[in-house]
Amino acid sequence: MITEPAKIQVTPGILKVSAKSNPNSVAGALAAVLRERENAELQAVGAGAINQAIKAVAIARTYLKASNMELVCVPSFIDVEISGNERTGISLAVRRVMPPG
């Protein structure tokens, strides 16, 4: 049984990802935010958008390795209103951490 998910405080700026988003571009934006701040958030609605968001997180990890940074990602469900309709999406709370060692 799933209990209350872990809470990560995120920044006011949210990166919204669509199915047409270029994951390399989203990864670059995410890496830039995480170089400046400790937290970021990606939001996606729909299978294609969620796929692009997850790929962006994986790519951003490679971008941040050069800066000796690692990231952790905590997914959660969100409700988003799109054109007057309530939709369920995914929020990816991403936190910058220093790699072990």
Protein backbone atom coordinates (compact mmCIF):
# COMPACT_ATOMS: atom_id res chain seq x y z
CA MET A 1 0.00 0.00 0.00
CA ILE A 2 1.32 3.44 -0.94
CA THR A 3 1.57 5.96 1.86
CA GLU A 4 2.13 9.70 1.69
CA PRO A 5 4.94 10.35 -0.84
CA ALA A 6 8.17 12.04 0.22
CA LYS A 7 7.90 15.82 0.00
CA ILE A 8 10.55 17.81 -1.80
CA GLN A 9 10.23 21.56 -1.73
CA VAL A 10 10.40 22.81 -5.29
CA THR A 11 11.12 26.18 -6.84
CA PRO A 12 8.33 28.41 -8.11
CA GLY A 13 9.53 27.86 -11.70
CA ILE A 14 8.02 24.77 -13.28
CA LEU A 15 9.26 23.27 -16.55
CA LYS A 16 6.24 22.03 -18.48
CA VAL A 17 6.98 19.21 -20.89
CA SER A 18 4.84 18.17 -23.88
CA ALA A 19 5.00 15.14 -26.14
CA LYS A 20 6.65 17.38 -28.75
CA SER A 21 9.33 18.70 -26.38
CA ASN A 22 12.91 17.97 -27.38
CA PRO A 23 14.35 16.00 -24.42
CA ASN A 24 17.85 17.44 -25.03
CA SER A 25 16.46 20.98 -24.77
CA VAL A 26 14.47 20.17 -21.63
CA ALA A 27 17.57 18.49 -20.15
CA GLY A 28 19.64 21.60 -20.85
CA ALA A 29 17.04 23.81 -19.17
CA LEU A 30 16.82 21.43 -16.21
CA ALA A 31 20.60 21.27 -15.82
CA ALA A 32 20.82 25.07 -15.97
CA VAL A 33 18.19 25.42 -13.24
CA LEU A 34 19.91 22.81 -11.06
CA ARG A 35 23.28 24.57 -11.41
CA GLU A 36 21.64 27.71 -9.98
CA ARG A 37 19.20 26.18 -7.49
CA GLU A 38 18.91 23.00 -5.47
CA ASN A 39 15.44 22.02 -6.77
CA ALA A 40 13.43 22.01 -9.97
CA GLU A 41 10.11 20.57 -11.10
CA LEU A 42 8.96 19.11 -14.41
CA GLN A 43 5.27 18.61 -15.16
CA ALA A 44 3.88 16.39 -17.91
CA VAL A 45 0.40 15.22 -18.91
CA GLY A 46 0.00 12.21 -21.18
CA ALA A 47 2.19 9.23 -21.99
CA GLY A 48 4.25 11.00 -24.67
CA ALA A 49 4.97 14.00 -22.47
CA ILE A 50 5.91 11.82 -19.51
CA ASN A 51 8.26 9.85 -21.75
CA GLN A 52 10.00 13.04 -22.88
CA ALA A 53 10.28 14.30 -19.29
CA ILE A 54 11.89 11.07 -18.06
CA LYS A 55 14.36 11.09 -20.96
CA ALA A 56 15.20 14.71 -20.11
CA VAL A 57 16.02 13.78 -16.50
CA ALA A 58 18.31 10.97 -17.69
CA ILE A 59 20.07 13.29 -20.16
CA ALA A 60 20.40 16.06 -17.53
CA ARG A 61 22.32 13.60 -15.32
CA THR A 62 25.00 13.34 -18.01
CA TYR A 63 25.15 17.14 -18.35
CA LEU A 64 25.64 17.56 -14.59
CA LYS A 65 28.35 14.89 -14.24
CA ALA A 66 30.92 17.34 -15.62
CA SER A 67 30.08 19.64 -12.68
CA ASN A 68 30.38 16.73 -10.22
CA MET A 69 26.66 16.85 -9.48
CA GLU A 70 24.07 14.11 -9.24
CA LEU A 71 20.30 14.38 -9.09
CA VAL A 72 17.43 12.53 -7.50
CA CYS A 73 13.90 12.51 -8.84
CA VAL A 74 10.65 11.96 -6.96
CA PRO A 75 7.54 11.44 -9.12
CA SER A 76 4.03 12.22 -7.95
CA PHE A 77 0.58 12.58 -9.45
CA ILE A 78 -0.88 16.04 -10.02
CA ASP A 79 -4.22 17.35 -11.20
CA VAL A 80 -3.99 19.96 -13.96
CA GLU A 81 -6.75 21.96 -15.62
CA ILE A 82 -6.39 22.04 -19.40
CA SER A 83 -9.04 23.86 -21.45
CA GLY A 84 -11.50 23.60 -18.58
CA ASN A 85 -10.96 19.85 -18.16
CA GLU A 86 -9.32 18.25 -15.13
CA ARG A 87 -6.44 15.94 -16.18
CA THR A 88 -4.06 13.81 -14.16
CA GLY A 89 -0.39 14.30 -14.86
CA ILE A 90 3.00 13.59 -13.37
CA SER A 91 5.20 15.99 -11.46
CA LEU A 92 8.90 15.16 -11.28
CA ALA A 93 10.49 16.90 -8.30
CA VAL A 94 14.20 16.95 -9.03
CA ARG A 95 16.86 17.73 -6.44
CA ARG A 96 20.58 18.34 -6.96
CA VAL A 97 22.88 16.29 -4.71
CA MET A 98 26.60 15.73 -4.49
CA PRO A 99 27.64 12.24 -5.59
CA PRO A 100 28.97 9.91 -2.89
CA GLY A 101 32.70 9.58 -2.49
